[in-house]
Amino acid sequence: DDDRGMDYESLLRLGQAIGPAVHPGLTADQIEELPYKKWREGMAGVNDQRCSICLEDYTRGERLITLPCRHVFHKTCISMWLQSHKECPICR
């Protein structure tokens, strides 16, 4: 019977060789530093009326973040995205 799985010691050595997992996104502090604006009808710089992540329409007073590429998202939606990605979900 050929067991192709690795034993504990082999997995431990592999983990030490590979090192810790790299966090691919932004830190919570980096995300928190992103400026936001509250949405209002006819807001300058916002060409779309809905968030491209959750596909919900923006409503008055919601917090929006504009990324350097000028794409706009709900603050909560883009914050969750940026925890695991460093780039805009549209531009990527």
PDB file of N, CA and C in Angstrom:
ATOM      1  N   ASP A   1       0.850  -1.179   0.000  1.00  0.00           N
ATOM      2  CA  ASP A   1       0.000   0.000   0.000  1.00  0.00           C
ATOM      3  C   ASP A   1       0.893   1.238   0.000  1.00  0.00           C
ATOM      4  N   ASP A   2       0.787   2.062  -1.043  1.00  0.00           N
ATOM      5  CA  ASP A   2       1.639   3.244  -1.192  1.00  0.00           C
ATOM      6  C   ASP A   2       0.923   4.474  -0.650  1.00  0.00           C
ATOM      7  N   ASP A   3       1.407   4.992   0.478  1.00  0.00           N
ATOM      8  CA  ASP A   3       0.838   6.191   1.076  1.00  0.00           C
ATOM      9  C   ASP A   3       1.616   7.398   0.556  1.00  0.00           C
ATOM     10  N   ARG A   4       0.996   8.206  -0.286  1.00  0.00           N
ATOM     11  CA  ARG A   4       1.680   9.345  -0.893  1.00  0.00           C
ATOM     12  C   ARG A   4       1.594  10.611  -0.041  1.00  0.00           C
ATOM     13  N   GLY A   5       0.942  10.536   1.101  1.00  0.00           N
ATOM     14  CA  GLY A   5       0.870  11.682   1.988  1.00  0.00           C
ATOM     15  C   GLY A   5       2.203  11.912   2.679  1.00  0.00           C
ATOM     16  N   MET A   6       2.374  13.106   3.213  1.00  0.00           N
ATOM     17  CA  MET A   6       3.618  13.434   3.913  1.00  0.00           C
ATOM     18  C   MET A   6       3.401  13.268   5.407  1.00  0.00           C
ATOM     19  N   ASP A   7       4.431  12.806   6.110  1.00  0.00           N
ATOM     20  CA  ASP A   7       4.321  12.688   7.554  1.00  0.00           C
ATOM     21  C   ASP A   7       4.515  14.070   8.186  1.00  0.00           C
ATOM     22  N   TYR A   8       4.253  14.146   9.480  1.00  0.00           N
ATOM     23  CA  TYR A   8       4.293  15.413  10.199  1.00  0.00           C
ATOM     24  C   TYR A   8       5.642  16.108  10.069  1.00  0.00           C
ATOM     25  N   GLU A   9       6.721  15.384  10.241  1.00  0.00           N
ATOM     26  CA  GLU A   9       8.056  15.980  10.180  1.00  0.00           C
ATOM     27  C   GLU A   9       8.344  16.550   8.787  1.00  0.00           C
ATOM     28  N   SER A  10       7.917  15.837   7.756  1.00  0.00           N
ATOM     29  CA  SER A  10       8.117  16.324   6.386  1.00  0.00           C
ATOM     30  C   SER A  10       7.328  17.606   6.144  1.00  0.00           C
ATOM     31  N   LEU A  11       6.094  17.630   6.629  1.00  0.00           N
ATOM     32  CA  LEU A  11       5.279  18.836   6.483  1.00  0.00           C
ATOM     33  C   LEU A  11       5.873  20.001   7.265  1.00  0.00           C
ATOM     34  N   LEU A  12       6.390  19.729   8.447  1.00  0.00           N
ATOM     35  CA  LEU A  12       7.018  20.761   9.262  1.00  0.00           C
ATOM     36  C   LEU A  12       8.240  21.342   8.556  1.00  0.00           C
ATOM     37  N   ARG A  13       9.084  20.485   7.998  1.00  0.00           N
ATOM     38  CA  ARG A  13      10.263  20.953   7.251  1.00  0.00           C
ATOM     39  C   ARG A  13       9.846  21.777   6.030  1.00  0.00           C
ATOM     40  N   LEU A  14       8.817  21.328   5.351  1.00  0.00           N
ATOM     41  CA  LEU A  14       8.319  22.060   4.189  1.00  0.00           C
ATOM     42  C   LEU A  14       7.823  23.445   4.601  1.00  0.00           C
ATOM     43  N   GLY A  15       7.076  23.503   5.686  1.00  0.00           N
ATOM     44  CA  GLY A  15       6.580  24.786   6.186  1.00  0.00           C
ATOM     45  C   GLY A  15       7.700  25.733   6.562  1.00  0.00           C
ATOM     46  N   GLN A  16       8.763  25.206   7.167  1.00  0.00           N
ATOM     47  CA  GLN A  16       9.910  26.035   7.535  1.00  0.00           C
ATOM     48  C   GLN A  16      10.652  26.513   6.297  1.00  0.00           C
ATOM     49  N   ALA A  17      10.725  25.678   5.279  1.00  0.00           N
ATOM     50  CA  ALA A  17      11.416  26.057   4.046  1.00  0.00           C
ATOM     51  C   ALA A  17      10.638  27.123   3.282  1.00  0.00           C
ATOM     52  N   ILE A  18       9.323  26.996   3.264  1.00  0.00           N
ATOM     53  CA  ILE A  18       8.484  27.946   2.534  1.00  0.00           C
ATOM     54  C   ILE A  18       8.370  29.264   3.291  1.00  0.00           C
ATOM     55  N   GLY A  19       8.273  29.192   4.593  1.00  0.00           N
ATOM     56  CA  GLY A  19       8.123  30.392   5.402  1.00  0.00           C
ATOM     57  C   GLY A  19       6.657  30.736   5.614  1.00  0.00           C
ATOM     58  N   PRO A  20       6.405  31.821   6.352  1.00  0.00           N
ATOM     59  CA  PRO A  20       5.029  32.200   6.660  1.00  0.00           C
ATOM     60  C   PRO A  20       4.295  32.684   5.410  1.00  0.00           C
ATOM     61  N   ALA A  21       2.979  32.572   5.459  1.00  0.00           N
ATOM     62  CA  ALA A  21       2.150  33.049   4.351  1.00  0.00           C
ATOM     63  C   ALA A  21       2.287  34.565   4.231  1.00  0.00           C
ATOM     64  N   VAL A  22       2.354  35.034   3.019  1.00  0.00           N
ATOM     65  CA  VAL A  22       2.454  36.474   2.763  1.00  0.00           C
ATOM     66  C   VAL A  22       1.048  37.023   2.598  1.00  0.00           C
ATOM     67  N   HIS A  23       0.754  38.094   3.328  1.00  0.00           N
ATOM     68  CA  HIS A  23      -0.552  38.732   3.233  1.00  0.00           C
ATOM     69  C   HIS A  23      -0.594  39.534   1.938  1.00  0.00           C
ATOM     70  N   PRO A  24      -1.434  39.141   0.990  1.00  0.00           N
ATOM     71  CA  PRO A  24      -1.414  39.767  -0.327  1.00  0.00           C
ATOM     72  C   PRO A  24      -2.093  41.132  -0.401  1.00  0.00           C
ATOM     73  N   GLY A  25      -2.860  41.501   0.606  1.00  0.00           N
ATOM     74  CA  GLY A  25      -3.614  42.748   0.544  1.00  0.00           C
ATOM     75  C   GLY A  25      -2.991  43.859   1.357  1.00  0.00           C
ATOM     76  N   LEU A  26      -3.786  44.890   1.589  1.00  0.00           N
ATOM     77  CA  LEU A  26      -3.358  46.024   2.400  1.00  0.00           C
ATOM     78  C   LEU A  26      -3.622  45.728   3.874  1.00  0.00           C
ATOM     79  N   THR A  27      -2.890  46.404   4.738  1.00  0.00           N
ATOM     80  CA  THR A  27      -3.132  46.260   6.173  1.00  0.00           C
ATOM     81  C   THR A  27      -4.383  47.048   6.553  1.00  0.00           C
ATOM     82  N   ALA A  28      -4.929  46.753   7.712  1.00  0.00           N
ATOM     83  CA  ALA A  28      -6.103  47.479   8.201  1.00  0.00           C
ATOM     84  C   ALA A  28      -5.796  48.970   8.323  1.00  0.00           C
ATOM     85  N   ASP A  29      -4.580  49.311   8.768  1.00  0.00           N
ATOM     86  CA  ASP A  29      -4.193  50.721   8.887  1.00  0.00           C
ATOM     87  C   ASP A  29      -4.142  51.405   7.528  1.00  0.00           C
ATOM     88  N   GLN A  30      -3.599  50.724   6.523  1.00  0.00           N
ATOM     89  CA  GLN A  30      -3.537  51.298   5.177  1.00  0.00           C
ATOM     90  C   GLN A  30      -4.940  51.532   4.621  1.00  0.00           C
ATOM     91  N   ILE A  31      -5.826  50.594   4.840  1.00  0.00           N
ATOM     92  CA  ILE A  31      -7.202  50.737   4.356  1.00  0.00           C
ATOM     93  C   ILE A  31      -7.896  51.881   5.079  1.00  0.00           C
ATOM     94  N   GLU A  32      -7.689  51.976   6.377  1.00  0.00           N
ATOM     95  CA  GLU A  32      -8.336  53.023   7.171  1.00  0.00           C
ATOM     96  C   GLU A  32      -7.868  54.420   6.771  1.00  0.00           C
ATOM     97  N   GLU A  33      -6.658  54.524   6.244  1.00  0.00           N
ATOM     98  CA  GLU A  33      -6.121  55.821   5.829  1.00  0.00           C
ATOM     99  C   GLU A  33      -6.691  56.314   4.500  1.00  0.00           C
ATOM    100  N   LEU A  34      -7.372  55.440   3.753  1.00  0.00           N
ATOM    101  CA  LEU A  34      -7.940  55.863   2.474  1.00  0.00           C
ATOM    102  C   LEU A  34      -9.047  56.890   2.718  1.00  0.00           C
ATOM    103  N   PRO A  35      -9.000  58.010   2.006  1.00  0.00           N
ATOM    104  CA  PRO A  35     -10.035  59.035   2.211  1.00  0.00           C
ATOM    105  C   PRO A  35     -11.380  58.578   1.641  1.00  0.00           C
ATOM    106  N   TYR A  36     -12.447  58.998   2.286  1.00  0.00           N
ATOM    107  CA  TYR A  36     -13.781  58.668   1.797  1.00  0.00           C
ATOM    108  C   TYR A  36     -14.633  59.931   1.738  1.00  0.00           C
ATOM    109  N   LYS A  37     -15.693  59.851   0.953  1.00  0.00           N
ATOM    110  CA  LYS A  37     -16.675  60.934   0.859  1.00  0.00           C
ATOM    111  C   LYS A  37     -18.053  60.319   1.028  1.00  0.00           C
ATOM    112  N   LYS A  38     -18.987  61.113   1.505  1.00  0.00           N
ATOM    113  CA  LYS A  38     -20.370  60.648   1.612  1.00  0.00           C
ATOM    114  C   LYS A  38     -21.087  60.940   0.298  1.00  0.00           C
ATOM    115  N   TRP A  39     -21.798  59.919  -0.208  1.00  0.00           N
ATOM    116  CA  TRP A  39     -22.457  60.034  -1.505  1.00  0.00           C
ATOM    117  C   TRP A  39     -23.666  60.950  -1.444  1.00  0.00           C
ATOM    118  N   ARG A  40     -23.833  61.713  -2.518  1.00  0.00           N
ATOM    119  CA  ARG A  40     -25.034  62.509  -2.716  1.00  0.00           C
ATOM    120  C   ARG A  40     -25.329  62.541  -4.213  1.00  0.00           C
ATOM    121  N   GLU A  41     -26.559  62.755  -4.584  1.00  0.00           N
ATOM    122  CA  GLU A  41     -26.980  62.801  -5.986  1.00  0.00           C
ATOM    123  C   GLU A  41     -26.165  63.839  -6.746  1.00  0.00           C
ATOM    124  N   GLY A  42     -25.662  63.460  -7.924  1.00  0.00           N
ATOM    125  CA  GLY A  42     -24.899  64.384  -8.757  1.00  0.00           C
ATOM    126  C   GLY A  42     -23.488  64.634  -8.271  1.00  0.00           C
ATOM    127  N   MET A  43     -22.972  63.767  -7.434  1.00  0.00           N
ATOM    128  CA  MET A  43     -21.637  63.933  -6.858  1.00  0.00           C
ATOM    129  C   MET A  43     -20.571  63.930  -7.953  1.00  0.00           C
ATOM    130  N   ALA A  44     -19.700  64.921  -7.927  1.00  0.00           N
ATOM    131  CA  ALA A  44     -18.627  65.037  -8.920  1.00  0.00           C
ATOM    132  C   ALA A  44     -17.672  63.856  -8.810  1.00  0.00           C
ATOM    133  N   GLY A  45     -17.253  63.334  -9.954  1.00  0.00           N
ATOM    134  CA  GLY A  45     -16.280  62.248  -9.974  1.00  0.00           C
ATOM    135  C   GLY A  45     -16.873  60.859  -9.843  1.00  0.00           C
ATOM    136  N   VAL A  46     -18.187  60.773  -9.666  1.00  0.00           N
ATOM    137  CA  VAL A  46     -18.847  59.471  -9.566  1.00  0.00           C
ATOM    138  C   VAL A  46     -19.726  59.300 -10.798  1.00  0.00           C
ATOM    139  N   ASN A  47     -19.250  58.503 -11.748  1.00  0.00           N
ATOM    140  CA  ASN A  47     -19.976  58.324 -13.003  1.00  0.00           C
ATOM    141  C   ASN A  47     -21.021  57.224 -12.929  1.00  0.00           C
ATOM    142  N   ASP A  48     -20.832  56.271 -12.047  1.00  0.00           N
ATOM    143  CA  ASP A  48     -21.762  55.155 -11.916  1.00  0.00           C
ATOM    144  C   ASP A  48     -22.575  55.351 -10.647  1.00  0.00           C
ATOM    145  N   GLN A  49     -23.796  54.899 -10.657  1.00  0.00           N
ATOM    146  CA  GLN A  49     -24.680  55.059  -9.504  1.00  0.00           C
ATOM    147  C   GLN A  49     -24.702  53.831  -8.607  1.00  0.00           C
ATOM    148  N   ARG A  50     -23.833  52.843  -8.912  1.00  0.00           N
ATOM    149  CA  ARG A  50     -23.822  51.634  -8.088  1.00  0.00           C
ATOM    150  C   ARG A  50     -22.399  51.129  -7.885  1.00  0.00           C
ATOM    151  N   CYS A  51     -22.228  50.412  -6.817  1.00  0.00           N
ATOM    152  CA  CYS A  51     -20.942  49.811  -6.466  1.00  0.00           C
ATOM    153  C   CYS A  51     -20.707  48.591  -7.356  1.00  0.00           C
ATOM    154  N   SER A  52     -19.548  48.528  -7.971  1.00  0.00           N
ATOM    155  CA  SER A  52     -19.219  47.410  -8.864  1.00  0.00           C
ATOM    156  C   SER A  52     -18.914  46.117  -8.117  1.00  0.00           C
ATOM    157  N   ILE A  53     -18.780  46.183  -6.803  1.00  0.00           N
ATOM    158  CA  ILE A  53     -18.516  44.974  -6.015  1.00  0.00           C
ATOM    159  C   ILE A  53     -19.828  44.316  -5.584  1.00  0.00           C
ATOM    160  N   CYS A  54     -20.687  45.062  -4.901  1.00  0.00           N
ATOM    161  CA  CYS A  54     -21.942  44.479  -4.396  1.00  0.00           C
ATOM    162  C   CYS A  54     -23.117  44.680  -5.353  1.00  0.00           C
ATOM    163  N   LEU A  55     -22.928  45.545  -6.343  1.00  0.00           N
ATOM    164  CA  LEU A  55     -23.939  45.863  -7.357  1.00  0.00           C
ATOM    165  C   LEU A  55     -25.174  46.552  -6.784  1.00  0.00           C
ATOM    166  N   GLU A  56     -25.040  47.150  -5.606  1.00  0.00           N
ATOM    167  CA  GLU A  56     -26.124  47.919  -4.990  1.00  0.00           C
ATOM    168  C   GLU A  56     -25.966  49.388  -5.357  1.00  0.00           C
ATOM    169  N   ASP A  57     -27.102  50.074  -5.560  1.00  0.00           N
ATOM    170  CA  ASP A  57     -27.066  51.508  -5.835  1.00  0.00           C
ATOM    171  C   ASP A  57     -26.557  52.254  -4.612  1.00  0.00           C
ATOM    172  N   TYR A  58     -25.857  53.351  -4.865  1.00  0.00           N
ATOM    173  CA  TYR A  58     -25.429  54.215  -3.774  1.00  0.00           C
ATOM    174  C   TYR A  58     -26.651  54.953  -3.241  1.00  0.00           C
ATOM    175  N   THR A  59     -26.674  55.154  -1.933  1.00  0.00           N
ATOM    176  CA  THR A  59     -27.750  55.933  -1.330  1.00  0.00           C
ATOM    177  C   THR A  59     -27.144  57.094  -0.553  1.00  0.00           C
ATOM    178  N   ARG A  60     -27.940  58.120  -0.382  1.00  0.00           N
ATOM    179  CA  ARG A  60     -27.489  59.357   0.254  1.00  0.00           C
ATOM    180  C   ARG A  60     -26.809  59.071   1.597  1.00  0.00           C
ATOM    181  N   GLY A  61     -25.626  59.649   1.766  1.00  0.00           N
ATOM    182  CA  GLY A  61     -24.899  59.546   3.022  1.00  0.00           C
ATOM    183  C   GLY A  61     -23.964  58.356   3.148  1.00  0.00           C
ATOM    184  N   GLU A  62     -24.026  57.404   2.194  1.00  0.00           N
ATOM    185  CA  GLU A  62     -23.116  56.254   2.268  1.00  0.00           C
ATOM    186  C   GLU A  62     -21.683  56.701   2.021  1.00  0.00           C
ATOM    187  N   ARG A  63     -20.761  56.049   2.694  1.00  0.00           N
ATOM    188  CA  ARG A  63     -19.341  56.367   2.538  1.00  0.00           C
ATOM    189  C   ARG A  63     -18.782  55.656   1.312  1.00  0.00           C
ATOM    190  N   LEU A  64     -18.124  56.425   0.446  1.00  0.00           N
ATOM    191  CA  LEU A  64     -17.520  55.897  -0.768  1.00  0.00           C
ATOM    192  C   LEU A  64     -16.034  56.186  -0.766  1.00  0.00           C
ATOM    193  N   ILE A  65     -15.265  55.268  -1.327  1.00  0.00           N
ATOM    194  CA  ILE A  65     -13.827  55.470  -1.489  1.00  0.00           C
ATOM    195  C   ILE A  65     -13.527  55.507  -2.976  1.00  0.00           C
ATOM    196  N   THR A  66     -12.749  56.518  -3.382  1.00  0.00           N
ATOM    197  CA  THR A  66     -12.268  56.613  -4.750  1.00  0.00           C
ATOM    198  C   THR A  66     -10.807  56.186  -4.745  1.00  0.00           C
ATOM    199  N   LEU A  67     -10.493  55.146  -5.492  1.00  0.00           N
ATOM    200  CA  LEU A  67      -9.111  54.667  -5.593  1.00  0.00           C
ATOM    201  C   LEU A  67      -8.313  55.584  -6.521  1.00  0.00           C
ATOM    202  N   PRO A  68      -6.989  55.510  -6.485  1.00  0.00           N
ATOM    203  CA  PRO A  68      -6.159  56.362  -7.353  1.00  0.00           C
ATOM    204  C   PRO A  68      -6.513  56.247  -8.842  1.00  0.00           C
ATOM    205  N   CYS A  69      -7.057  55.110  -9.258  1.00  0.00           N
ATOM    206  CA  CYS A  69      -7.457  54.910 -10.657  1.00  0.00           C
ATOM    207  C   CYS A  69      -8.778  55.611 -10.973  1.00  0.00           C
ATOM    208  N   ARG A  70      -9.414  56.204  -9.958  1.00  0.00           N
ATOM    209  CA  ARG A  70     -10.662  56.955 -10.049  1.00  0.00           C
ATOM    210  C   ARG A  70     -11.922  56.085 -10.017  1.00  0.00           C
ATOM    211  N   HIS A  71     -11.789  54.779  -9.777  1.00  0.00           N
ATOM    212  CA  HIS A  71     -12.967  53.934  -9.601  1.00  0.00           C
ATOM    213  C   HIS A  71     -13.491  54.117  -8.177  1.00  0.00           C
ATOM    214  N   VAL A  72     -14.810  54.118  -8.038  1.00  0.00           N
ATOM    215  CA  VAL A  72     -15.469  54.426  -6.767  1.00  0.00           C
ATOM    216  C   VAL A  72     -16.247  53.203  -6.278  1.00  0.00           C
ATOM    217  N   PHE A  73     -16.193  52.970  -4.953  1.00  0.00           N
ATOM    218  CA  PHE A  73     -16.858  51.818  -4.343  1.00  0.00           C
ATOM    219  C   PHE A  73     -17.391  52.205  -2.968  1.00  0.00           C
ATOM    220  N   HIS A  74     -18.357  51.410  -2.460  1.00  0.00           N
ATOM    221  CA  HIS A  74     -18.737  51.551  -1.052  1.00  0.00           C
ATOM    222  C   HIS A  74     -17.483  51.340  -0.207  1.00  0.00           C
ATOM    223  N   LYS A  75     -17.351  52.091   0.856  1.00  0.00           N
ATOM    224  CA  LYS A  75     -16.187  51.954   1.736  1.00  0.00           C
ATOM    225  C   LYS A  75     -16.090  50.535   2.290  1.00  0.00           C
ATOM    226  N   THR A  76     -17.200  49.967   2.738  1.00  0.00           N
ATOM    227  CA  THR A  76     -17.152  48.617   3.313  1.00  0.00           C
ATOM    228  C   THR A  76     -16.798  47.567   2.265  1.00  0.00           C
ATOM    229  N   CYS A  77     -17.322  47.721   1.055  1.00  0.00           N
ATOM    230  CA  CYS A  77     -17.046  46.733  -0.005  1.00  0.00           C
ATOM    231  C   CYS A  77     -15.579  46.745  -0.403  1.00  0.00           C
ATOM    232  N   ILE A  78     -15.036  47.928  -0.682  1.00  0.00           N
ATOM    233  CA  ILE A  78     -13.644  47.992  -1.144  1.00  0.00           C
ATOM    234  C   ILE A  78     -12.689  47.666   0.001  1.00  0.00           C
ATOM    235  N   SER A  79     -13.076  47.964   1.230  1.00  0.00           N
ATOM    236  CA  SER A  79     -12.222  47.624   2.377  1.00  0.00           C
ATOM    237  C   SER A  79     -12.044  46.115   2.479  1.00  0.00           C
ATOM    238  N   MET A  80     -13.129  45.370   2.310  1.00  0.00           N
ATOM    239  CA  MET A  80     -13.027  43.903   2.356  1.00  0.00           C
ATOM    240  C   MET A  80     -12.185  43.389   1.192  1.00  0.00           C
ATOM    241  N   TRP A  81     -12.378  43.954   0.007  1.00  0.00           N
ATOM    242  CA  TRP A  81     -11.605  43.541  -1.172  1.00  0.00           C
ATOM    243  C   TRP A  81     -10.115  43.785  -0.934  1.00  0.00           C
ATOM    244  N   LEU A  82      -9.774  44.966  -0.422  1.00  0.00           N
ATOM    245  CA  LEU A  82      -8.369  45.344  -0.266  1.00  0.00           C
ATOM    246  C   LEU A  82      -7.645  44.558   0.823  1.00  0.00           C
ATOM    247  N   GLN A  83      -8.368  43.856   1.671  1.00  0.00           N
ATOM    248  CA  GLN A  83      -7.717  42.999   2.664  1.00  0.00           C
ATOM    249  C   GLN A  83      -7.004  41.829   2.000  1.00  0.00           C
ATOM    250  N   SER A  84      -7.466  41.439   0.816  1.00  0.00           N
ATOM    251  CA  SER A  84      -6.848  40.297   0.142  1.00  0.00           C
ATOM    252  C   SER A  84      -6.296  40.626  -1.245  1.00  0.00           C
ATOM    253  N   HIS A  85      -6.420  41.883  -1.675  1.00  0.00           N
ATOM    254  CA  HIS A  85      -5.918  42.309  -2.984  1.00  0.00           C
ATOM    255  C   HIS A  85      -5.323  43.708  -2.856  1.00  0.00           C
ATOM    256  N   LYS A  86      -4.298  43.993  -3.630  1.00  0.00           N
ATOM    257  CA  LYS A  86      -3.696  45.331  -3.592  1.00  0.00           C
ATOM    258  C   LYS A  86      -4.136  46.202  -4.759  1.00  0.00           C
ATOM    259  N   GLU A  87      -4.889  45.630  -5.684  1.00  0.00           N
ATOM    260  CA  GLU A  87      -5.266  46.391  -6.864  1.00  0.00           C
ATOM    261  C   GLU A  87      -6.782  46.565  -6.945  1.00  0.00           C
ATOM    262  N   CYS A  88      -7.187  47.512  -7.761  1.00  0.00           N
ATOM    263  CA  CYS A  88      -8.602  47.795  -7.999  1.00  0.00           C
ATOM    264  C   CYS A  88      -9.267  46.563  -8.618  1.00  0.00           C
ATOM    265  N   PRO A  89     -10.482  46.212  -8.177  1.00  0.00           N
ATOM    266  CA  PRO A  89     -11.147  45.045  -8.754  1.00  0.00           C
ATOM    267  C   PRO A  89     -11.547  45.233 -10.220  1.00  0.00           C
ATOM    268  N   ILE A  90     -11.651  46.455 -10.675  1.00  0.00           N
ATOM    269  CA  ILE A  90     -11.991  46.713 -12.079  1.00  0.00           C
ATOM    270  C   ILE A  90     -10.736  46.723 -12.940  1.00  0.00           C
ATOM    271  N   CYS A  91      -9.691  47.373 -12.477  1.00  0.00           N
ATOM    272  CA  CYS A  91      -8.447  47.517 -13.257  1.00  0.00           C
ATOM    273  C   CYS A  91      -7.629  46.232 -13.335  1.00  0.00           C
ATOM    274  N   ARG A  92      -7.764  45.379 -12.352  1.00  0.00           N
ATOM    275  CA  ARG A  92      -6.877  44.218 -12.271  1.00  0.00           C
ATOM    276  C   ARG A  92      -6.898  43.445 -13.532  1.00  0.00           C
TER     277      ARG A  92
END
